[in-house]
C-alpha atoms as a PDB file:
ATOM      1  CA  MET A   1     111.732  98.469  84.018  1.00  0.00           C
ATOM      2  CA  PHE A   2     109.720 101.964  84.541  1.00  0.00           C
ATOM      3  CA  GLU A   3     109.804 104.838  82.559  1.00  0.00           C
ATOM      4  CA  TYR A   4     108.620 108.466  83.604  1.00  0.00           C
ATOM      5  CA  THR A   5     106.905 111.129  81.565  1.00  0.00           C
ATOM      6  CA  THR A   6     108.419 114.554  81.167  1.00  0.00           C
ATOM      7  CA  TYR A   7     105.432 115.869  82.936  1.00  0.00           C
ATOM      8  CA  PHE A   8     106.253 113.545  85.898  1.00  0.00           C
ATOM      9  CA  GLU A   9     109.970 114.435  86.006  1.00  0.00           C
ATOM     10  CA  ASN A  10     109.585 118.175  85.676  1.00  0.00           C
ATOM     11  CA  ASP A  11     106.141 119.011  87.320  1.00  0.00           C
ATOM     12  CA  VAL A  12     104.987 116.268  89.623  1.00  0.00           C
ATOM     13  CA  LEU A  13     108.351 115.926  91.508  1.00  0.00           C
ATOM     14  CA  SER A  14     108.990 119.698  91.677  1.00  0.00           C
ATOM     15  CA  LYS A  15     105.616 120.413  93.247  1.00  0.00           C
ATOM     16  CA  ARG A  16     105.632 117.344  95.455  1.00  0.00           C
ATOM     17  CA  PRO A  17     109.466 116.664  96.342  1.00  0.00           C
ATOM     18  CA  TYR A  18     108.267 114.457  99.337  1.00  0.00           C
ATOM     19  CA  ILE A  19     107.149 111.660  96.779  1.00  0.00           C
ATOM     20  CA  LYS A  20     109.862 109.027  96.023  1.00  0.00           C
ATOM     21  CA  LYS A  21     110.172 107.225  92.798  1.00  0.00           C
ATOM     22  CA  GLU A  22     110.498 103.932  94.642  1.00  0.00           C
ATOM     23  CA  TRP A  23     107.053 104.326  96.295  1.00  0.00           C
ATOM     24  CA  CYS A  24     105.542 104.921  92.694  1.00  0.00           C
ATOM     25  CA  GLU A  25     107.237 101.895  91.541  1.00  0.00           C
ATOM     26  CA  LYS A  26     105.838 100.033  94.515  1.00  0.00           C
ATOM     27  CA  ALA A  27     102.366 101.009  93.790  1.00  0.00           C
ATOM     28  CA  VAL A  28     102.578  99.853  90.276  1.00  0.00           C
ATOM     29  CA  SER A  29     104.425  96.690  91.022  1.00  0.00           C
ATOM     30  CA  SER A  30     102.413  95.463  93.893  1.00  0.00           C
ATOM     31  CA  SER A  31      99.100  97.181  94.038  1.00  0.00           C
ATOM     32  CA  LYS A  32      95.866  95.258  94.649  1.00  0.00           C
ATOM     33  CA  PHE A  33      93.978  98.431  93.975  1.00  0.00           C
ATOM     34  CA  VAL A  34      94.090  99.167  90.183  1.00  0.00           C
ATOM     35  CA  GLU A  35      91.526 101.023  87.971  1.00  0.00           C
ATOM     36  CA  LYS A  36      91.465 101.650  84.315  1.00  0.00           C
ATOM     37  CA  GLN A  37      90.767 105.328  83.454  1.00  0.00           C
ATOM     38  CA  PRO A  38      88.331 106.176  80.538  1.00  0.00           C
ATOM     39  CA  ASP A  39      91.259 107.725  78.584  1.00  0.00           C
ATOM     40  CA  GLY A  40      93.163 104.282  78.723  1.00  0.00           C
ATOM     41  CA  ARG A  41      95.405 105.419  81.463  1.00  0.00           C
ATOM     42  CA  TYR A  42      95.668 103.320  84.834  1.00  0.00           C
ATOM     43  CA  ARG A  43      95.085 104.310  88.251  1.00  0.00           C
ATOM     44  CA  PHE A  44      97.160 102.409  91.100  1.00  0.00           C
ATOM     45  CA  TRP A  45      96.887 102.879  94.830  1.00  0.00           C
ATOM     46  CA  CYS A  46      99.303 101.914  97.402  1.00  0.00           C
ATOM     47  CA  LYS A  47      99.558 102.458 101.218  1.00  0.00           C
ATOM     48  CA  ILE A  48     102.763 104.159 102.186  1.00  0.00           C
ATOM     49  CA  PRO A  49     103.754 103.270 105.770  1.00  0.00           C
ATOM     50  CA  GLU A  50     106.610 105.860 105.790  1.00  0.00           C
ATOM     51  CA  TYR A  51     104.112 108.522 105.098  1.00  0.00           C
ATOM     52  CA  GLY A  52     101.671 107.993 107.746  1.00  0.00           C
ATOM     53  CA  ASN A  53      99.969 104.854 106.026  1.00  0.00           C
ATOM     54  CA  LYS A  54      98.424 107.288 103.507  1.00  0.00           C
ATOM     55  CA  PHE A  55      97.532 105.944  99.947  1.00  0.00           C
ATOM     56  CA  LEU A  56      99.651 107.095  97.141  1.00  0.00           C
ATOM     57  CA  ARG A  57      97.650 107.202  93.849  1.00  0.00           C
ATOM     58  CA  VAL A  58      99.957 106.690  90.795  1.00  0.00           C
ATOM     59  CA  VAL A  59      98.916 107.255  87.278  1.00  0.00           C
ATOM     60  CA  THR A  60     100.467 105.335  84.268  1.00  0.00           C
ATOM     61  CA  LEU A  61     100.187 105.571  80.618  1.00  0.00           C
ATOM     62  CA  ASN A  62      98.154 102.611  79.113  1.00  0.00           C
ATOM     63  CA  ASN A  63     101.405 100.570  78.859  1.00  0.00           C
ATOM     64  CA  GLN A  64     101.189 100.377  82.654  1.00  0.00           C
ATOM     65  CA  ARG A  65     105.005 101.065  82.815  1.00  0.00           C
ATOM     66  CA  THR A  66     105.207 104.727  82.253  1.00  0.00           C
ATOM     67  CA  ILE A  67     104.641 106.792  85.183  1.00  0.00           C
ATOM     68  CA  HIS A  68     102.770 110.071  84.613  1.00  0.00           C
ATOM     69  CA  ASN A  69     101.467 111.333  87.893  1.00  0.00           C
ATOM     70  CA  ALA A  70     101.447 110.674  91.468  1.00  0.00           C
ATOM     71  CA  PHE A  71      99.652 112.207  94.690  1.00  0.00           C
ATOM     72  CA  PHE A  72      98.448 111.168  97.944  1.00  0.00           C
ATOM     73  CA  ASP A  73      94.771 110.391  97.678  1.00  0.00           C
ATOM     74  CA  ARG A  74      92.927 111.762 100.741  1.00  0.00           C
ATOM     75  CA  LYS A  75      89.460 110.357  99.650  1.00  0.00           C
ATOM     76  CA  PHE A  76      90.765 106.824  98.904  1.00  0.00           C
ATOM     77  CA  LYS A  77      89.946 104.321 101.611  1.00  0.00           C
ATOM     78  CA  GLY A  78      90.957 101.077 100.022  1.00  0.00           C
ATOM     79  CA  GLY A  79      88.946  98.333  98.470  1.00  0.00           C
ATOM     80  CA  GLU A  80      86.641 100.938  96.580  1.00  0.00           C
ATOM     81  CA  THR A  81      87.835 100.378  93.020  1.00  0.00           C
ATOM     82  CA  ASN A  82      86.926  98.124  90.259  1.00  0.00           C
ATOM     83  CA  ASN A  83      90.387  96.171  90.344  1.00  0.00           C
ATOM     84  CA  GLU A  84      90.147  96.112  86.495  1.00  0.00           C
ATOM     85  CA  THR A  85      93.497  95.433  84.768  1.00  0.00           C
END
């Protein structure tokens, strides 16, 4: 169902080995916080209880199924996006 860019597989996971693919997939599948970027990619945020209830930001390509980047977003508080899909 999901694909991953080479950048995600080689760079993101090696720099952030604590990030789990299933968390990324959960963010994209069930996020109520979604925002379209100016470049056509999408941002999804999801609270991860297993990681201290911090928000994981996942960036996909414009197809919303190819995961490109992921990191814990310290500034995101929830509910501050446009929720545009």
